Protein backbone atom coordinates (compact mmCIF):
# COMPACT_ATOMS: atom_id res chain seq x y z
CA MET A 1 122.25 109.89 144.87
CA PRO A 2 122.24 108.56 141.26
CA PRO A 3 121.64 111.09 138.50
CA LYS A 4 118.14 111.32 137.14
CA THR A 5 117.58 109.66 133.79
CA ILE A 6 116.83 111.46 130.53
CA VAL A 7 114.40 109.26 128.62
CA TYR A 8 114.25 109.44 124.84
CA VAL A 9 111.20 107.94 123.12
CA THR A 10 111.53 107.31 119.41
CA ALA A 11 109.78 105.28 116.72
CA TYR A 12 113.11 104.14 115.27
CA TYR A 13 116.58 103.74 116.69
CA PRO A 14 119.68 102.31 114.99
CA PRO A 15 120.16 99.86 113.45
CA PHE A 16 116.54 100.32 112.35
CA GLY A 17 115.05 103.19 110.37
CA ALA A 18 115.73 104.60 106.95
CA GLY A 19 116.47 108.28 107.61
CA GLY A 20 118.76 110.64 109.46
CA ALA A 21 116.40 111.39 112.35
CA GLU A 22 117.09 108.19 114.29
CA ARG A 23 120.83 108.58 113.76
CA THR A 24 120.63 112.11 115.16
CA VAL A 25 118.80 110.72 118.20
CA ALA A 26 121.58 108.16 118.69
CA LEU A 27 124.26 110.86 118.35
CA HIS A 28 122.59 113.09 120.95
CA ALA A 29 122.12 110.15 123.32
CA ARG A 30 125.79 109.16 123.03
CA ILE A 31 126.94 112.72 123.71
CA LEU A 32 124.81 112.88 126.86
CA ALA A 33 126.06 109.47 128.04
CA ARG A 34 129.68 110.47 127.50
CA SER A 35 129.12 113.60 129.57
CA GLY A 36 128.04 111.45 132.49
CA ARG A 37 124.25 111.66 132.11
CA SER A 38 122.01 108.65 132.52
CA VAL A 39 120.20 108.09 129.20
CA LEU A 40 117.48 105.57 128.43
CA VAL A 41 116.01 105.09 124.94
CA ILE A 42 112.57 103.49 124.61
CA THR A 43 111.69 102.31 121.12
CA PRO A 44 109.77 99.52 119.33
CA GLN A 45 111.45 96.16 118.92
CA TYR A 46 111.75 95.24 115.25
CA GLY A 47 113.67 91.99 115.59
CA ASN A 48 116.73 92.48 117.80
CA SER A 49 117.40 92.29 121.55
CA SER A 50 114.80 93.83 123.84
CA ARG A 51 117.45 95.27 126.19
CA GLU A 52 120.96 96.38 125.35
CA ILE A 53 123.59 99.01 126.07
CA ILE A 54 125.29 100.75 123.14
CA ASP A 55 127.96 103.42 123.72
CA GLY A 56 126.77 103.87 127.29
CA VAL A 57 123.13 104.37 126.26
CA ARG A 58 120.60 101.92 127.69
CA ILE A 59 117.96 100.82 125.18
CA ILE A 60 114.65 99.13 125.93
CA ARG A 61 112.73 97.86 122.91
CA PHE A 62 109.10 96.92 123.46
CA PRO A 63 107.18 94.31 121.39
CA PHE A 64 105.83 95.73 118.15
CA HIS A 65 106.12 94.82 114.47
CA ARG A 66 108.97 92.76 113.03
CA LEU A 67 110.71 94.25 110.01
CA SER A 68 111.97 92.21 107.10
CA GLY A 69 115.38 93.88 107.13
CA LEU A 70 117.45 96.97 107.85
CA GLY A 71 116.34 100.09 106.03
CA THR A 72 112.69 99.02 105.93
CA GLN A 73 110.00 100.84 107.87
CA VAL A 74 106.56 100.23 109.30
CA PRO A 75 103.52 101.69 107.46
CA PRO A 76 102.91 105.09 109.14
CA GLN A 77 99.28 104.19 109.87
CA ARG A 78 100.45 101.77 112.57
CA PHE A 79 101.81 104.72 114.56
CA LEU A 80 98.84 107.02 114.07
CA CYS A 81 95.97 105.06 115.61
CA ALA A 82 94.78 105.85 119.14
CA SER A 83 95.54 102.33 120.34
CA TYR A 84 99.25 102.81 119.56
CA HIS A 85 99.43 106.01 121.64
CA ARG A 86 97.89 104.23 124.62
CA TYR A 87 100.13 101.20 124.10
CA LEU A 88 103.22 103.40 123.90
CA ALA A 89 102.29 105.23 127.12
CA VAL A 90 101.92 101.91 128.96
CA GLN A 91 105.25 100.64 127.62
CA ILE A 92 107.02 103.83 128.73
CA ILE A 93 105.54 103.65 132.22
CA ASN A 94 106.53 99.99 132.55
CA ALA A 95 110.05 100.65 131.26
CA VAL A 96 110.85 103.40 133.78
CA GLN A 97 109.47 101.67 136.87
CA GLY A 98 111.83 102.48 139.76
CA GLU A 99 113.85 104.85 137.56
CA PRO A 100 114.55 108.41 138.81
CA VAL A 101 113.33 110.20 135.68
CA LEU A 102 114.42 113.75 134.86
CA CYS A 103 112.18 114.08 131.78
CA LEU A 104 110.54 112.23 128.92
CA GLN A 105 111.47 113.52 125.48
CA ALA A 106 109.52 112.57 122.32
CA GLN A 107 111.93 112.44 119.41
CA ASP A 108 109.42 112.29 116.55
CA VAL A 109 105.84 112.96 115.65
CA TYR A 110 104.84 109.31 116.08
CA SER A 111 106.01 109.27 119.71
CA MET A 112 104.64 112.63 120.78
CA ILE A 113 101.14 111.79 122.01
CA GLY A 114 102.00 108.57 123.85
CA THR A 115 105.02 110.17 125.53
CA GLU A 116 102.95 113.11 126.73
CA MET A 117 100.34 110.71 128.14
CA ALA A 118 103.05 108.83 130.05
CA ALA A 119 104.64 112.05 131.34
CA ARG A 120 101.31 113.18 132.78
CA ARG A 121 100.79 109.81 134.46
CA LEU A 122 104.31 109.85 135.93
CA GLY A 123 104.27 113.53 136.88
CA VAL A 124 107.54 114.32 135.07
CA PRO A 125 108.37 117.05 132.52
CA PHE A 126 107.52 116.35 128.89
CA LEU A 127 109.80 117.63 126.13
CA THR A 128 109.34 117.35 122.40
CA TYR A 129 111.88 117.49 119.59
CA ILE A 130 110.49 118.90 116.34
CA ARG A 131 112.43 118.02 113.22
CA ASP A 132 109.71 117.99 110.53
CA THR A 133 106.62 119.90 109.41
CA ALA A 134 104.01 117.51 110.82
CA SER A 135 103.43 119.94 113.71
CA LEU A 136 102.68 122.74 111.26
CA CYS A 137 100.00 121.02 109.26
CA GLY A 138 98.11 117.75 108.93
CA LEU A 139 99.51 117.44 105.40
CA GLY A 140 103.10 118.13 106.38
CA ALA A 141 102.98 121.79 105.24
CA ILE A 142 103.39 120.88 101.58
CA CYS A 143 102.60 124.51 100.75
CA LEU A 144 106.19 125.32 101.77
CA MET A 145 107.38 123.49 98.67
CA GLU A 146 105.90 126.22 96.46
CA ALA A 147 108.32 128.69 94.93
CA GLY A 148 108.54 131.94 96.87
CA ARG A 149 106.68 130.70 99.96
CA GLU A 150 108.72 130.89 103.17
CA SER A 151 106.04 130.43 105.82
CA PRO A 152 102.77 128.52 106.21
CA PRO A 153 99.37 130.18 106.75
CA PRO A 154 99.00 131.64 110.27
CA PHE A 155 96.22 129.17 111.02
CA CYS A 156 95.49 125.86 109.28
CA GLY A 157 91.78 125.30 109.85
CA VAL A 158 89.64 122.53 108.42
CA ARG A 159 88.75 124.56 105.32
CA GLN A 160 92.41 125.39 104.64
CA HIS A 161 93.39 121.77 105.24
CA LEU A 162 90.83 120.39 102.77
CA SER A 163 91.57 123.11 100.23
CA CYS A 164 95.27 122.21 100.22
CA ALA A 165 94.47 118.52 100.00
CA PHE A 166 92.19 118.93 96.99
CA ARG A 167 94.58 121.28 95.18
CA ARG A 168 97.78 119.36 95.82
CA TYR A 169 96.88 115.73 96.45
CA PHE A 170 93.73 114.88 94.54
CA PRO A 171 95.10 115.68 91.06
CA ILE A 172 97.61 112.83 91.41
CA TYR A 173 94.96 110.25 92.28
CA GLU A 174 93.29 108.13 89.63
CA PRO A 175 90.37 110.26 88.33
CA ARG A 176 88.26 107.13 87.89
CA ALA A 177 88.60 106.20 91.58
CA SER A 178 85.52 104.56 93.06
CA ILE A 179 83.23 106.30 95.52
CA ALA A 180 84.59 104.01 98.24
CA GLY A 181 88.12 105.05 97.33
CA ARG A 182 87.27 108.73 97.47
CA LEU A 183 85.53 108.27 100.84
CA PHE A 184 88.63 106.51 102.13
CA ILE A 185 90.78 109.47 101.04
CA LEU A 186 88.43 111.92 102.74
CA GLY A 187 88.47 109.84 105.91
CA SER A 188 92.27 109.74 105.87
CA LEU A 189 92.42 113.51 105.45
CA GLY A 190 90.04 113.98 108.37
CA ALA A 191 92.07 111.67 110.60
CA ALA A 192 95.28 113.47 109.66
CA TYR A 193 93.74 116.80 110.63
CA VAL A 194 92.47 115.50 113.99
CA LEU A 195 95.92 114.14 114.84
CA PHE A 196 97.54 117.40 113.76
CA ARG A 197 95.35 119.41 116.13
CA ARG A 198 96.05 116.97 118.96
CA ARG A 199 99.79 117.31 118.40
CA GLN A 200 99.37 121.07 118.62
CA ARG A 201 97.70 120.72 122.02
CA VAL A 202 100.46 118.37 123.17
CA ASN A 203 103.13 120.84 122.09
CA ARG A 204 101.46 123.69 123.94
CA GLY A 205 101.70 121.66 127.16
CA ALA A 206 105.37 120.75 126.73
CA ALA A 207 107.92 121.97 129.27
CA ARG A 208 110.36 122.55 126.40
CA ILE A 209 110.16 122.39 122.61
CA ILE A 210 113.45 121.67 120.85
CA PHE A 211 113.97 122.41 117.16
CA ASN A 212 116.64 120.98 114.89
CA SER A 213 117.68 124.44 113.63
CA GLU A 214 117.08 128.13 114.20
CA GLY A 215 115.58 128.51 110.72
CA PHE A 216 113.14 125.70 111.39
CA ARG A 217 112.16 127.29 114.70
CA ARG A 218 111.37 130.54 112.89
CA VAL A 219 109.15 128.70 110.41
CA HIS A 220 107.17 127.23 113.31
């Protein structure tokens, strides 16, 4: 009987992406493949082959947004809309048809909701890898950048969210911004908070939550 497949879902995978997260995903996938595990990576296609095998790791890239070159990234808003989550879930389900799946693992905040939707549809365990502060706060827990602060508030409600936004974000915006501009900012803040709370619900339903360090786990 063939081994069940560990499925990684990630917004970026080498050679695309501009940070260390996608390279860590590739490193972990290669280690698993070398140990004899079946590993499948599902990620957007930014201009290269839709199917390939690199270092024993199978990669399926689904149609998305073409990038102008290596090191460039897609505007984050493209990953945050509800239509992308649904689209991602469908692409995952299509990619694993006939595959004996051990688990689906979301490797970043952009992939979390769609991967959880697909896992529920497929009836397989959902895992999430947390490597940033987007699961702590809709603003990325910018309060942790303050001197002397080592942990976020115990609960980030709407009032706390807006208070942080006005104290830390609004001062850097053009004070003569139009009413339409200010309404757009408020709408963006509201959308960020809604997505943050949804990610919290998704995390609570995960079979496993993996952190990139013990210190980061303690912060969460």
